[in-house]
Amino acid sequence: MGVLLHVPSSADDEAAVKLFMALIKEAGNGLHHLALSVTGMGGVAYEDFSFMQEHEKIASVKEEGLAFCRLLAVAVSGAHPSGLAMRSVEEEVEGVCAWIVRKGILRPLSRAEAFNAYCYNPDSGEITPPEPGVQYNDAPFIHV
């Protein structure tokens, strides 16, 4: 049995597409990976989307973008706790920033909050070191 999730409305779908486009615009040049998790009944649904952007030209797999937007619509509906992270590589510098999705709005996490969220081992309760060469950044506020 899979994860049970709220069915988003058409307004949620439209909001998700606007948010998706704003995230891509905010990402800027470089290689980027968006990861979205939505906690539903029975577990966590996860989608990711990778893209390369150079001077406003984007290379990606369209089907991955559609699947990502479908789950993003569920997240922006506000029916489930959700989180979003973006890992970016530009000029050999790798950075991670993250947001919590609450009531349809992305709340940016500070670099310390992102570090705590992604370097915490819930099984042991200990902080694990970040991957070598990865820096955590304050997430920008995304306007839609």
N, C-alpha and C. Protein backbone atom coordinates (compact mmCIF):
# COMPACT_ATOMS: atom_id res chain seq x y z
N MET A 1 0.84 -1.18 0.00
CA MET A 1 0.00 0.00 0.00
C MET A 1 0.88 1.24 0.00
N GLY A 2 0.48 2.25 -0.76
CA GLY A 2 1.25 3.47 -0.89
C GLY A 2 0.89 4.50 0.15
N VAL A 3 1.42 5.68 -0.02
CA VAL A 3 1.17 6.80 0.87
C VAL A 3 -0.14 7.47 0.44
N LEU A 4 -1.03 7.72 1.38
CA LEU A 4 -2.29 8.40 1.07
C LEU A 4 -2.10 9.90 1.24
N LEU A 5 -2.46 10.64 0.18
CA LEU A 5 -2.29 12.09 0.15
C LEU A 5 -3.57 12.79 -0.26
N HIS A 6 -3.73 14.00 0.19
CA HIS A 6 -4.83 14.88 -0.19
C HIS A 6 -4.78 15.12 -1.71
N VAL A 7 -5.94 15.19 -2.34
CA VAL A 7 -5.99 15.51 -3.77
C VAL A 7 -6.01 17.04 -3.91
N PRO A 8 -5.01 17.60 -4.58
CA PRO A 8 -4.95 19.06 -4.68
C PRO A 8 -6.03 19.62 -5.61
N SER A 9 -6.41 20.87 -5.37
CA SER A 9 -7.38 21.56 -6.22
C SER A 9 -6.67 22.15 -7.43
N SER A 10 -7.44 22.66 -8.37
CA SER A 10 -6.83 23.31 -9.53
C SER A 10 -6.07 24.57 -9.10
N ALA A 11 -6.55 25.24 -8.04
CA ALA A 11 -5.82 26.40 -7.51
C ALA A 11 -4.46 25.97 -6.94
N ASP A 12 -4.43 24.81 -6.28
CA ASP A 12 -3.16 24.27 -5.77
C ASP A 12 -2.21 23.96 -6.93
N ASP A 13 -2.76 23.40 -8.01
CA ASP A 13 -1.95 23.09 -9.19
C ASP A 13 -1.32 24.37 -9.76
N GLU A 14 -2.13 25.41 -9.88
CA GLU A 14 -1.63 26.69 -10.42
C GLU A 14 -0.58 27.29 -9.50
N ALA A 15 -0.82 27.24 -8.20
CA ALA A 15 0.15 27.78 -7.24
C ALA A 15 1.46 26.99 -7.30
N ALA A 16 1.37 25.68 -7.48
CA ALA A 16 2.57 24.83 -7.56
C ALA A 16 3.41 25.19 -8.78
N VAL A 17 2.77 25.42 -9.91
CA VAL A 17 3.50 25.76 -11.13
C VAL A 17 4.19 27.12 -10.96
N LYS A 18 3.50 28.09 -10.38
CA LYS A 18 4.10 29.41 -10.14
C LYS A 18 5.30 29.30 -9.19
N LEU A 19 5.13 28.49 -8.15
CA LEU A 19 6.20 28.29 -7.18
C LEU A 19 7.39 27.57 -7.82
N PHE A 20 7.11 26.58 -8.62
CA PHE A 20 8.15 25.83 -9.34
C PHE A 20 8.96 26.77 -10.23
N MET A 21 8.28 27.62 -10.98
CA MET A 21 8.97 28.55 -11.87
C MET A 21 9.79 29.56 -11.07
N ALA A 22 9.26 30.01 -9.93
CA ALA A 22 10.01 30.94 -9.08
C ALA A 22 11.26 30.28 -8.51
N LEU A 23 11.18 29.00 -8.14
CA LEU A 23 12.35 28.27 -7.64
C LEU A 23 13.42 28.16 -8.71
N ILE A 24 13.01 27.86 -9.93
CA ILE A 24 13.96 27.73 -11.03
C ILE A 24 14.63 29.08 -11.30
N LYS A 25 13.83 30.14 -11.31
CA LYS A 25 14.40 31.47 -11.54
C LYS A 25 15.38 31.84 -10.44
N GLU A 26 15.04 31.56 -9.19
CA GLU A 26 15.90 31.88 -8.05
C GLU A 26 17.19 31.08 -8.08
N ALA A 27 17.16 29.88 -8.64
CA ALA A 27 18.33 29.00 -8.65
C ALA A 27 19.50 29.60 -9.40
N GLY A 28 19.23 30.28 -10.51
CA GLY A 28 20.31 30.88 -11.29
C GLY A 28 21.12 29.84 -12.05
N ASN A 29 22.30 30.24 -12.50
CA ASN A 29 23.16 29.36 -13.29
C ASN A 29 23.71 28.22 -12.44
N GLY A 30 23.91 27.07 -13.08
CA GLY A 30 24.52 25.93 -12.41
C GLY A 30 23.68 24.68 -12.53
N LEU A 31 24.15 23.64 -11.86
CA LEU A 31 23.46 22.36 -11.79
C LEU A 31 22.69 22.34 -10.49
N HIS A 32 21.39 22.02 -10.55
CA HIS A 32 20.53 22.09 -9.38
C HIS A 32 19.73 20.80 -9.22
N HIS A 33 19.43 20.49 -7.96
CA HIS A 33 18.61 19.32 -7.65
C HIS A 33 17.62 19.74 -6.58
N LEU A 34 16.32 19.68 -6.91
CA LEU A 34 15.25 19.95 -5.95
C LEU A 34 14.75 18.63 -5.40
N ALA A 35 14.56 18.56 -4.10
CA ALA A 35 14.03 17.36 -3.46
C ALA A 35 12.86 17.77 -2.57
N LEU A 36 11.71 17.13 -2.78
CA LEU A 36 10.49 17.47 -2.07
C LEU A 36 9.98 16.23 -1.35
N SER A 37 9.65 16.39 -0.07
CA SER A 37 9.04 15.29 0.68
C SER A 37 7.75 15.78 1.31
N VAL A 38 6.73 14.91 1.23
CA VAL A 38 5.42 15.22 1.78
C VAL A 38 5.01 14.04 2.65
N THR A 39 4.71 14.30 3.92
CA THR A 39 4.33 13.24 4.84
C THR A 39 2.83 13.05 4.79
N GLY A 40 2.42 11.85 4.38
CA GLY A 40 1.00 11.52 4.30
C GLY A 40 0.70 10.33 5.19
N MET A 41 -0.52 9.87 5.10
CA MET A 41 -0.91 8.70 5.88
C MET A 41 -0.18 7.48 5.32
N GLY A 42 0.59 6.83 6.15
CA GLY A 42 1.29 5.62 5.72
C GLY A 42 2.72 5.84 5.27
N GLY A 43 3.23 7.08 5.38
CA GLY A 43 4.62 7.28 5.00
C GLY A 43 4.90 8.62 4.36
N VAL A 44 6.00 8.66 3.63
CA VAL A 44 6.46 9.90 3.01
C VAL A 44 6.51 9.72 1.49
N ALA A 45 5.92 10.66 0.77
CA ALA A 45 6.02 10.69 -0.69
C ALA A 45 7.18 11.62 -1.04
N TYR A 46 7.94 11.25 -2.05
CA TYR A 46 9.15 11.98 -2.40
C TYR A 46 9.23 12.14 -3.91
N GLU A 47 9.59 13.32 -4.36
CA GLU A 47 9.89 13.57 -5.78
C GLU A 47 11.12 14.46 -5.84
N ASP A 48 11.88 14.29 -6.89
CA ASP A 48 13.01 15.18 -7.09
C ASP A 48 13.04 15.64 -8.54
N PHE A 49 13.79 16.70 -8.77
CA PHE A 49 13.88 17.29 -10.09
C PHE A 49 15.27 17.88 -10.24
N SER A 50 15.99 17.45 -11.24
CA SER A 50 17.34 17.95 -11.52
C SER A 50 17.31 18.77 -12.81
N PHE A 51 18.07 19.87 -12.81
CA PHE A 51 18.13 20.69 -14.01
C PHE A 51 19.44 21.46 -14.06
N MET A 52 19.83 21.79 -15.25
CA MET A 52 21.02 22.63 -15.49
C MET A 52 20.51 23.93 -16.08
N GLN A 53 20.98 25.03 -15.53
CA GLN A 53 20.55 26.34 -16.02
C GLN A 53 21.78 27.17 -16.37
N GLU A 54 21.71 27.75 -17.55
CA GLU A 54 22.78 28.63 -17.98
C GLU A 54 22.16 29.78 -18.76
N HIS A 55 22.31 30.98 -18.23
CA HIS A 55 21.78 32.19 -18.87
C HIS A 55 20.31 32.03 -19.24
N GLU A 56 19.51 31.59 -18.27
CA GLU A 56 18.06 31.42 -18.39
C GLU A 56 17.64 30.31 -19.35
N LYS A 57 18.57 29.50 -19.82
CA LYS A 57 18.24 28.31 -20.61
C LYS A 57 18.34 27.11 -19.69
N ILE A 58 17.32 26.25 -19.75
CA ILE A 58 17.23 25.14 -18.81
C ILE A 58 17.26 23.82 -19.55
N ALA A 59 18.07 22.89 -19.04
CA ALA A 59 18.10 21.53 -19.55
C ALA A 59 17.57 20.62 -18.44
N SER A 60 16.53 19.84 -18.76
CA SER A 60 15.93 18.95 -17.76
C SER A 60 15.11 17.88 -18.48
N VAL A 61 14.54 16.99 -17.69
CA VAL A 61 13.62 15.98 -18.21
C VAL A 61 12.20 16.43 -17.87
N LYS A 62 11.41 16.69 -18.90
CA LYS A 62 10.07 17.25 -18.72
C LYS A 62 9.20 16.40 -17.78
N GLU A 63 9.25 15.09 -17.93
CA GLU A 63 8.42 14.20 -17.12
C GLU A 63 8.75 14.33 -15.63
N GLU A 64 10.03 14.53 -15.32
CA GLU A 64 10.43 14.72 -13.92
C GLU A 64 9.82 16.01 -13.37
N GLY A 65 9.80 17.05 -14.19
CA GLY A 65 9.22 18.32 -13.77
C GLY A 65 7.73 18.20 -13.51
N LEU A 66 7.04 17.44 -14.35
CA LEU A 66 5.60 17.24 -14.16
C LEU A 66 5.30 16.49 -12.88
N ALA A 67 6.05 15.42 -12.62
CA ALA A 67 5.86 14.63 -11.40
C ALA A 67 6.17 15.48 -10.17
N PHE A 68 7.22 16.29 -10.26
CA PHE A 68 7.58 17.16 -9.15
C PHE A 68 6.45 18.16 -8.86
N CYS A 69 5.91 18.77 -9.91
CA CYS A 69 4.82 19.75 -9.74
C CYS A 69 3.56 19.11 -9.17
N ARG A 70 3.29 17.86 -9.55
CA ARG A 70 2.12 17.17 -8.99
C ARG A 70 2.24 17.05 -7.47
N LEU A 71 3.42 16.63 -6.99
CA LEU A 71 3.59 16.52 -5.54
C LEU A 71 3.69 17.90 -4.90
N LEU A 72 4.27 18.87 -5.58
CA LEU A 72 4.34 20.23 -5.04
C LEU A 72 2.93 20.79 -4.85
N ALA A 73 1.99 20.44 -5.72
CA ALA A 73 0.60 20.88 -5.55
C ALA A 73 0.00 20.30 -4.27
N VAL A 74 0.35 19.07 -3.95
CA VAL A 74 -0.11 18.46 -2.69
C VAL A 74 0.49 19.24 -1.52
N ALA A 75 1.79 19.56 -1.62
CA ALA A 75 2.46 20.29 -0.54
C ALA A 75 1.83 21.66 -0.33
N VAL A 76 1.58 22.40 -1.40
CA VAL A 76 1.03 23.76 -1.24
C VAL A 76 -0.43 23.76 -0.82
N SER A 77 -1.09 22.62 -0.93
CA SER A 77 -2.48 22.54 -0.46
C SER A 77 -2.56 22.74 1.05
N GLY A 78 -1.45 22.50 1.74
CA GLY A 78 -1.42 22.69 3.18
C GLY A 78 -1.96 21.52 3.97
N ALA A 79 -2.29 20.42 3.30
CA ALA A 79 -2.89 19.27 3.97
C ALA A 79 -1.87 18.37 4.66
N HIS A 80 -0.60 18.51 4.32
CA HIS A 80 0.43 17.61 4.85
C HIS A 80 1.71 18.38 5.19
N PRO A 81 2.42 17.97 6.24
CA PRO A 81 3.75 18.54 6.49
C PRO A 81 4.67 18.23 5.31
N SER A 82 5.39 19.24 4.86
CA SER A 82 6.23 19.07 3.67
C SER A 82 7.52 19.86 3.82
N GLY A 83 8.54 19.38 3.13
CA GLY A 83 9.82 20.06 3.12
C GLY A 83 10.44 20.03 1.74
N LEU A 84 11.25 21.02 1.44
CA LEU A 84 11.86 21.15 0.13
C LEU A 84 13.31 21.57 0.32
N ALA A 85 14.20 20.94 -0.42
CA ALA A 85 15.61 21.31 -0.37
C ALA A 85 16.12 21.51 -1.79
N MET A 86 17.09 22.40 -1.95
CA MET A 86 17.74 22.58 -3.24
C MET A 86 19.25 22.49 -3.04
N ARG A 87 19.84 21.58 -3.78
CA ARG A 87 21.29 21.42 -3.80
C ARG A 87 21.77 21.99 -5.12
N SER A 88 22.73 22.89 -5.06
CA SER A 88 23.21 23.57 -6.26
C SER A 88 24.73 23.49 -6.35
N VAL A 89 25.22 23.33 -7.57
CA VAL A 89 26.65 23.34 -7.82
C VAL A 89 26.91 24.38 -8.89
N GLU A 90 27.74 25.35 -8.53
CA GLU A 90 28.15 26.36 -9.50
C GLU A 90 29.63 26.63 -9.27
N GLU A 91 30.39 26.51 -10.33
CA GLU A 91 31.83 26.73 -10.25
C GLU A 91 32.45 25.92 -9.12
N GLU A 92 32.08 24.65 -9.04
CA GLU A 92 32.63 23.66 -8.10
C GLU A 92 32.32 23.94 -6.64
N VAL A 93 31.42 24.87 -6.35
CA VAL A 93 30.97 25.12 -4.99
C VAL A 93 29.58 24.50 -4.86
N GLU A 94 29.42 23.63 -3.85
CA GLU A 94 28.15 22.95 -3.66
C GLU A 94 27.45 23.51 -2.43
N GLY A 95 26.21 23.96 -2.63
CA GLY A 95 25.45 24.54 -1.53
C GLY A 95 24.09 23.90 -1.41
N VAL A 96 23.56 23.91 -0.19
CA VAL A 96 22.23 23.36 0.09
C VAL A 96 21.45 24.42 0.85
N CYS A 97 20.20 24.62 0.42
CA CYS A 97 19.28 25.45 1.18
C CYS A 97 17.95 24.71 1.24
N ALA A 98 17.10 25.08 2.19
CA ALA A 98 15.87 24.31 2.39
C ALA A 98 14.74 25.20 2.89
N TRP A 99 13.54 24.70 2.69
CA TRP A 99 12.32 25.37 3.12
C TRP A 99 11.37 24.36 3.75
N ILE A 100 10.51 24.84 4.61
CA ILE A 100 9.37 24.08 5.10
C ILE A 100 8.16 24.64 4.38
N VAL A 101 7.27 23.77 3.93
CA VAL A 101 6.05 24.21 3.26
C VAL A 101 4.92 24.14 4.28
N ARG A 102 4.36 25.31 4.60
CA ARG A 102 3.26 25.39 5.56
C ARG A 102 2.16 26.28 4.99
N LYS A 103 0.95 25.73 4.96
CA LYS A 103 -0.21 26.48 4.49
C LYS A 103 0.03 27.12 3.12
N GLY A 104 0.72 26.38 2.25
CA GLY A 104 0.92 26.84 0.89
C GLY A 104 2.07 27.81 0.69
N ILE A 105 2.81 28.10 1.74
CA ILE A 105 3.90 29.08 1.66
C ILE A 105 5.21 28.40 2.02
N LEU A 106 6.26 28.73 1.26
CA LEU A 106 7.59 28.24 1.58
C LEU A 106 8.17 29.12 2.68
N ARG A 107 8.51 28.51 3.82
CA ARG A 107 9.20 29.24 4.88
C ARG A 107 10.68 28.89 4.77
N PRO A 108 11.51 29.89 4.43
CA PRO A 108 12.94 29.59 4.28
C PRO A 108 13.57 29.20 5.60
N LEU A 109 14.47 28.23 5.53
CA LEU A 109 15.24 27.83 6.70
C LEU A 109 16.58 28.57 6.69
N SER A 110 17.06 28.90 7.86
CA SER A 110 18.40 29.48 7.97
C SER A 110 19.41 28.37 7.70
N ARG A 111 20.65 28.75 7.50
CA ARG A 111 21.68 27.74 7.25
C ARG A 111 21.80 26.79 8.44
N ALA A 112 21.65 27.30 9.68
CA ALA A 112 21.72 26.44 10.86
C ALA A 112 20.54 25.47 10.90
N GLU A 113 19.34 25.95 10.56
CA GLU A 113 18.17 25.07 10.54
C GLU A 113 18.32 24.00 9.47
N ALA A 114 18.83 24.38 8.29
CA ALA A 114 19.03 23.40 7.22
C ALA A 114 20.08 22.36 7.63
N PHE A 115 21.16 22.82 8.25
CA PHE A 115 22.19 21.90 8.73
C PHE A 115 21.58 20.92 9.72
N ASN A 116 20.83 21.43 10.70
CA ASN A 116 20.21 20.56 11.70
C ASN A 116 19.23 19.58 11.07
N ALA A 117 18.50 20.02 10.07
CA ALA A 117 17.52 19.14 9.42
C ALA A 117 18.18 18.03 8.62
N TYR A 118 19.30 18.32 7.98
CA TYR A 118 19.90 17.35 7.08
C TYR A 118 21.13 16.64 7.64
N CYS A 119 21.60 17.07 8.79
CA CYS A 119 22.77 16.42 9.40
C CYS A 119 22.40 15.79 10.74
N TYR A 120 21.13 15.56 10.96
CA TYR A 120 20.66 14.94 12.19
C TYR A 120 20.23 13.51 11.88
N ASN A 121 20.74 12.56 12.64
CA ASN A 121 20.37 11.16 12.47
C ASN A 121 19.25 10.84 13.46
N PRO A 122 18.01 10.69 12.97
CA PRO A 122 16.89 10.47 13.90
C PRO A 122 16.99 9.12 14.64
N ASP A 123 17.69 8.15 14.06
CA ASP A 123 17.83 6.85 14.73
C ASP A 123 18.74 6.93 15.95
N SER A 124 19.87 7.65 15.81
CA SER A 124 20.83 7.73 16.91
C SER A 124 20.66 9.00 17.74
N GLY A 125 20.01 10.02 17.17
CA GLY A 125 19.87 11.29 17.86
C GLY A 125 21.12 12.15 17.80
N GLU A 126 22.07 11.75 16.96
CA GLU A 126 23.33 12.47 16.87
C GLU A 126 23.41 13.30 15.59
N ILE A 127 24.23 14.33 15.66
CA ILE A 127 24.53 15.14 14.48
C ILE A 127 25.62 14.42 13.69
N THR A 128 25.41 14.30 12.39
CA THR A 128 26.42 13.69 11.52
C THR A 128 27.08 14.81 10.73
N PRO A 129 28.35 14.68 10.43
CA PRO A 129 29.02 15.75 9.70
C PRO A 129 28.47 15.87 8.27
N PRO A 130 28.48 17.09 7.73
CA PRO A 130 28.03 17.26 6.35
C PRO A 130 29.02 16.59 5.39
N GLU A 131 28.55 16.35 4.20
CA GLU A 131 29.44 15.81 3.17
C GLU A 131 30.58 16.80 2.94
N PRO A 132 31.77 16.30 2.65
CA PRO A 132 32.90 17.21 2.39
C PRO A 132 32.58 18.14 1.21
N GLY A 133 32.89 19.42 1.39
CA GLY A 133 32.71 20.40 0.32
C GLY A 133 31.31 20.96 0.19
N VAL A 134 30.39 20.53 1.07
CA VAL A 134 29.01 21.03 1.00
C VAL A 134 28.83 22.11 2.06
N GLN A 135 28.29 23.24 1.63
CA GLN A 135 27.99 24.31 2.58
C GLN A 135 26.49 24.52 2.64
N TYR A 136 25.98 24.78 3.83
CA TYR A 136 24.57 25.06 4.02
C TYR A 136 24.37 26.56 3.99
N ASN A 137 23.33 27.00 3.30
CA ASN A 137 23.07 28.42 3.10
C ASN A 137 21.68 28.78 3.59
N ASP A 138 21.49 30.06 3.93
CA ASP A 138 20.15 30.55 4.22
C ASP A 138 19.33 30.44 2.93
N ALA A 139 18.14 29.91 3.03
CA ALA A 139 17.28 29.82 1.86
C ALA A 139 16.67 31.18 1.57
N PRO A 140 16.57 31.53 0.29
CA PRO A 140 15.94 32.81 -0.04
C PRO A 140 14.43 32.74 0.12
N PHE A 141 13.80 33.88 0.33
CA PHE A 141 12.35 33.95 0.33
C PHE A 141 11.91 33.89 -1.14
N ILE A 142 11.00 33.01 -1.45
CA ILE A 142 10.51 32.84 -2.83
C ILE A 142 9.18 33.57 -2.96
N HIS A 143 9.15 34.56 -3.82
CA HIS A 143 7.93 35.35 -4.07
C HIS A 143 7.14 34.72 -5.21
N VAL A 144 5.85 34.52 -5.01
CA VAL A 144 4.98 34.05 -6.11
C VAL A 144 3.73 34.89 -6.18
